[in-house]
N, C-alpha and C. Protein backbone atom coordinates (compact mmCIF):
# COMPACT_ATOMS: atom_id res chain seq x y z
N UNK A 1 -15.07 -24.08 7.38
CA UNK A 1 -14.01 -23.40 7.50
C UNK A 1 -12.68 -24.45 6.71
N UNK A 2 -11.44 -23.37 6.20
CA UNK A 2 -10.15 -24.12 5.67
C UNK A 2 -9.31 -23.90 6.53
N UNK A 3 -8.56 -25.16 6.92
CA UNK A 3 -7.56 -24.76 7.45
C UNK A 3 -6.16 -24.61 6.79
N UNK A 4 -5.12 -23.92 7.18
CA UNK A 4 -4.07 -23.50 6.23
C UNK A 4 -3.14 -25.22 5.83
N UNK A 5 -3.27 -26.39 6.75
CA UNK A 5 -2.84 -27.37 5.99
C UNK A 5 -3.61 -27.69 5.06
N UNK A 6 -4.81 -27.45 5.03
CA UNK A 6 -5.80 -28.26 3.93
C UNK A 6 -5.33 -27.33 2.38
N UNK A 7 -5.08 -26.21 2.51
CA UNK A 7 -4.57 -25.51 1.21
C UNK A 7 -3.24 -25.90 0.85
N UNK A 8 -2.27 -26.41 1.72
CA UNK A 8 -1.01 -26.86 1.29
C UNK A 8 -1.42 -28.08 0.43
N UNK A 9 -2.41 -28.77 0.51
CA UNK A 9 -2.12 -30.07 -0.30
C UNK A 9 -2.97 -30.10 -1.32
N UNK A 10 -3.60 -28.70 -1.69
CA UNK A 10 -4.48 -28.47 -3.34
C UNK A 10 -3.38 -28.00 -4.30
N UNK A 11 -3.47 -28.29 -5.31
CA UNK A 11 -2.80 -27.48 -6.44
C UNK A 11 -3.59 -26.19 -6.48
N UNK A 12 -2.64 -25.22 -6.96
CA UNK A 12 -2.90 -24.17 -7.43
C UNK A 12 -2.85 -23.87 -8.51
N UNK A 13 -3.90 -23.71 -9.70
CA UNK A 13 -3.85 -23.50 -11.12
C UNK A 13 -4.70 -21.97 -11.56
N UNK A 14 -3.91 -21.73 -12.48
CA UNK A 14 -3.53 -20.22 -13.00
C UNK A 14 -4.78 -20.76 -14.16
N UNK A 15 -5.94 -19.78 -14.11
CA UNK A 15 -7.13 -20.14 -15.32
C UNK A 15 -6.86 -19.35 -16.22
N UNK A 16 -5.81 -18.76 -16.56
CA UNK A 16 -5.44 -17.26 -17.22
C UNK A 16 -4.55 -18.40 -18.99
N UNK A 17 -3.47 -19.00 -18.15
CA UNK A 17 -3.03 -20.08 -18.80
C UNK A 17 -3.46 -21.75 -18.97
N UNK A 18 -4.01 -22.26 -17.69
CA UNK A 18 -4.35 -23.56 -17.70
C UNK A 18 -2.96 -23.95 -16.79
N UNK A 19 -2.19 -23.37 -16.45
CA UNK A 19 -0.74 -24.23 -15.72
C UNK A 19 -0.81 -23.99 -14.31
N UNK A 20 -0.51 -25.35 -13.86
CA UNK A 20 -0.25 -25.79 -12.53
C UNK A 20 0.81 -25.08 -12.12
N UNK A 21 0.62 -24.25 -10.80
CA UNK A 21 1.74 -23.48 -10.38
C UNK A 21 2.08 -23.94 -8.56
N UNK A 22 1.77 -25.33 -8.20
CA UNK A 22 2.33 -25.79 -7.54
C UNK A 22 1.43 -25.61 -6.36
N UNK A 23 1.93 -25.72 -5.08
CA UNK A 23 0.92 -25.95 -3.95
C UNK A 23 1.38 -24.62 -3.02
N UNK A 24 0.65 -24.12 -2.08
CA UNK A 24 0.71 -23.15 -1.49
C UNK A 24 1.87 -23.48 -0.25
N UNK A 25 2.84 -22.39 -0.05
CA UNK A 25 3.59 -22.58 0.56
C UNK A 25 3.70 -21.78 1.79
N UNK A 26 2.78 -20.63 1.56
CA UNK A 26 3.25 -19.63 2.62
C UNK A 26 1.79 -18.79 2.46
N UNK A 27 1.34 -18.05 3.54
CA UNK A 27 0.52 -17.06 3.52
C UNK A 27 1.02 -15.78 3.82
N UNK A 28 0.33 -14.77 3.30
CA UNK A 28 0.54 -13.50 3.80
C UNK A 28 -0.85 -12.89 4.51
N UNK A 29 -0.74 -12.40 6.01
CA UNK A 29 -1.79 -12.31 6.85
C UNK A 29 -1.37 -10.85 7.14
N UNK A 30 -2.86 -10.05 7.19
CA UNK A 30 -2.64 -8.71 7.94
C UNK A 30 -3.31 -8.94 9.26
N UNK A 31 -2.08 -8.87 10.16
CA UNK A 31 -2.44 -9.05 11.50
C UNK A 31 -3.42 -8.20 12.29
N UNK A 32 -3.68 -7.01 11.88
CA UNK A 32 -4.50 -6.05 12.39
C UNK A 32 -6.00 -6.62 12.41
N UNK A 33 -6.29 -6.89 11.07
CA UNK A 33 -7.38 -7.47 10.49
C UNK A 33 -8.07 -8.70 10.67
N UNK A 34 -6.84 -9.67 10.66
CA UNK A 34 -7.02 -11.07 10.79
C UNK A 34 -7.33 -11.30 9.49
N UNK A 35 -6.91 -11.06 8.24
CA UNK A 35 -7.36 -11.64 7.14
C UNK A 35 -6.16 -12.19 6.39
N UNK A 36 -6.30 -12.70 5.54
CA UNK A 36 -5.51 -13.51 4.47
C UNK A 36 -5.36 -12.60 3.31
N UNK A 37 -4.05 -11.96 3.29
CA UNK A 37 -3.60 -11.18 2.20
C UNK A 37 -3.58 -11.75 0.80
N UNK A 38 -2.66 -12.58 0.77
CA UNK A 38 -2.34 -13.09 -0.57
C UNK A 38 -1.89 -15.25 0.03
N UNK A 39 -1.52 -15.62 -1.23
CA UNK A 39 -0.94 -16.70 -0.81
C UNK A 39 0.07 -16.87 -1.70
N UNK A 40 1.35 -17.80 -0.96
CA UNK A 40 2.48 -17.84 -1.90
C UNK A 40 3.03 -19.26 -2.58
N UNK A 41 3.39 -19.32 -3.58
CA UNK A 41 3.45 -20.36 -4.31
C UNK A 41 5.00 -20.54 -4.72
N UNK A 42 5.48 -21.87 -4.98
CA UNK A 42 6.81 -21.74 -5.23
C UNK A 42 7.10 -21.21 -6.60
N UNK A 43 7.89 -20.24 -7.25
CA UNK A 43 8.36 -19.81 -8.66
C UNK A 43 9.39 -21.05 -9.21
N UNK A 44 9.80 -20.59 -10.31
CA UNK A 44 10.92 -21.26 -10.69
C UNK A 44 12.23 -21.45 -10.02
N UNK A 45 12.56 -22.92 -10.44
CA UNK A 45 13.89 -23.05 -9.44
C UNK A 45 14.99 -22.87 -10.35
N UNK A 46 16.19 -22.45 -9.17
CA UNK A 46 17.54 -22.72 -10.34
C UNK A 46 18.08 -23.53 -10.22
N UNK A 47 18.89 -23.94 -11.35
CA UNK A 47 19.66 -25.01 -11.48
C UNK A 47 19.30 -26.37 -11.06
N UNK A 48 18.00 -26.50 -11.77
CA UNK A 48 17.34 -27.92 -11.74
C UNK A 48 16.55 -27.94 -10.27
N UNK A 49 16.71 -27.09 -9.93
CA UNK A 49 16.26 -27.37 -8.19
C UNK A 49 17.08 -27.95 -7.35
N UNK A 50 18.26 -28.12 -7.73
CA UNK A 50 19.59 -28.62 -7.00
C UNK A 50 20.07 -27.54 -5.77
N UNK A 51 20.45 -26.27 -6.46
CA UNK A 51 20.97 -25.38 -5.74
C UNK A 51 20.08 -24.19 -5.75
N UNK A 52 20.30 -23.31 -4.60
CA UNK A 52 19.72 -21.92 -4.60
C UNK A 52 18.05 -22.42 -4.37
N UNK A 53 17.46 -21.03 -3.89
CA UNK A 53 16.22 -21.27 -3.71
C UNK A 53 15.77 -20.68 -4.38
N UNK A 54 14.04 -21.20 -4.67
CA UNK A 54 13.37 -21.33 -5.84
C UNK A 54 12.50 -19.50 -5.76
N UNK A 55 12.46 -18.87 -6.65
CA UNK A 55 11.51 -17.69 -6.46
C UNK A 55 10.27 -17.91 -6.04
N UNK A 56 9.76 -17.28 -5.22
CA UNK A 56 8.27 -17.27 -4.80
C UNK A 56 7.03 -16.31 -5.63
N UNK A 57 6.10 -16.74 -6.17
CA UNK A 57 5.19 -16.21 -6.48
C UNK A 57 4.06 -15.66 -5.55
N UNK A 58 3.57 -14.38 -5.68
CA UNK A 58 2.67 -13.99 -4.39
C UNK A 58 1.27 -13.56 -5.05
N UNK A 59 0.38 -14.54 -4.51
CA UNK A 59 -0.77 -14.15 -5.46
C UNK A 59 -1.68 -13.46 -4.32
N UNK A 60 -2.41 -12.01 -4.70
CA UNK A 60 -3.12 -11.61 -4.02
C UNK A 60 -4.76 -12.15 -3.80
N UNK A 61 -5.08 -12.43 -2.79
CA UNK A 61 -6.28 -12.96 -2.22
C UNK A 61 -7.71 -12.59 -3.31
N UNK A 62 -7.65 -11.42 -4.03
CA UNK A 62 -8.50 -11.09 -4.49
C UNK A 62 -8.41 -11.53 -5.74
N UNK A 63 -7.11 -12.12 -6.34
CA UNK A 63 -7.08 -13.12 -7.48
C UNK A 63 -7.55 -14.66 -7.39
N UNK A 64 -7.76 -14.99 -5.87
CA UNK A 64 -8.31 -16.44 -6.21
C UNK A 64 -9.78 -16.58 -6.59
N UNK A 65 -10.20 -17.40 -7.75
CA UNK A 65 -11.45 -17.31 -8.25
C UNK A 65 -12.32 -18.52 -7.38
N UNK A 66 -11.70 -19.42 -7.14
CA UNK A 66 -12.22 -20.73 -6.16
C UNK A 66 -11.28 -21.30 -5.55
N UNK A 67 -11.94 -21.71 -4.74
CA UNK A 67 -11.11 -22.96 -3.62
C UNK A 67 -11.85 -24.08 -3.54
N UNK A 68 -11.79 -24.98 -4.43
CA UNK A 68 -12.53 -26.32 -4.17
C UNK A 68 -11.59 -27.36 -3.39
N UNK A 69 -12.24 -28.72 -3.65
CA UNK A 69 -11.84 -29.81 -2.91
C UNK A 69 -10.34 -30.10 -2.90
N UNK A 70 -9.96 -30.05 -4.39
CA UNK A 70 -8.78 -30.64 -4.95
C UNK A 70 -7.91 -29.36 -5.19
N UNK A 71 -8.45 -28.37 -5.80
CA UNK A 71 -7.59 -27.51 -6.40
C UNK A 71 -7.91 -26.11 -5.92
N UNK A 72 -6.99 -24.99 -6.29
CA UNK A 72 -7.60 -23.76 -5.86
C UNK A 72 -7.41 -22.83 -7.30
N UNK A 73 -8.22 -22.20 -7.92
CA UNK A 73 -8.26 -21.57 -9.13
C UNK A 73 -7.86 -20.22 -8.72
N UNK A 74 -6.81 -19.82 -9.40
CA UNK A 74 -6.25 -17.98 -9.52
C UNK A 74 -6.49 -17.58 -10.80
N UNK A 75 -6.59 -16.32 -10.78
CA UNK A 75 -6.05 -15.81 -12.18
C UNK A 75 -5.51 -14.78 -12.21
N UNK A 76 -4.21 -14.59 -12.91
CA UNK A 76 -2.76 -14.10 -12.56
C UNK A 76 -2.19 -14.01 -13.88
N UNK A 77 -1.79 -12.97 -14.28
CA UNK A 77 -0.68 -12.95 -15.22
C UNK A 77 0.87 -12.55 -15.13
N UNK A 78 1.22 -13.68 -15.29
CA UNK A 78 2.53 -13.86 -14.97
C UNK A 78 3.57 -12.97 -16.15
N UNK A 79 4.79 -12.15 -15.87
CA UNK A 79 5.59 -11.08 -16.83
C UNK A 79 6.62 -12.62 -17.37
């Protein structure tokens, strides 16, 4: 079993380009089924991260390839 707090401490790596995407900042849940629909990671920050909210990248659960002890491997194509 994995806790949400455990997911927050793992780096999310996109295996499509090898890029580190950050850490999980939120989850999208289906309350009727009780299943996780997606994880959310921070996107690019505006103005060097000093002002403004960063965009968020929503990664569907089926795009997660592996949840390891230290990292979460995903395969997404970003435009």
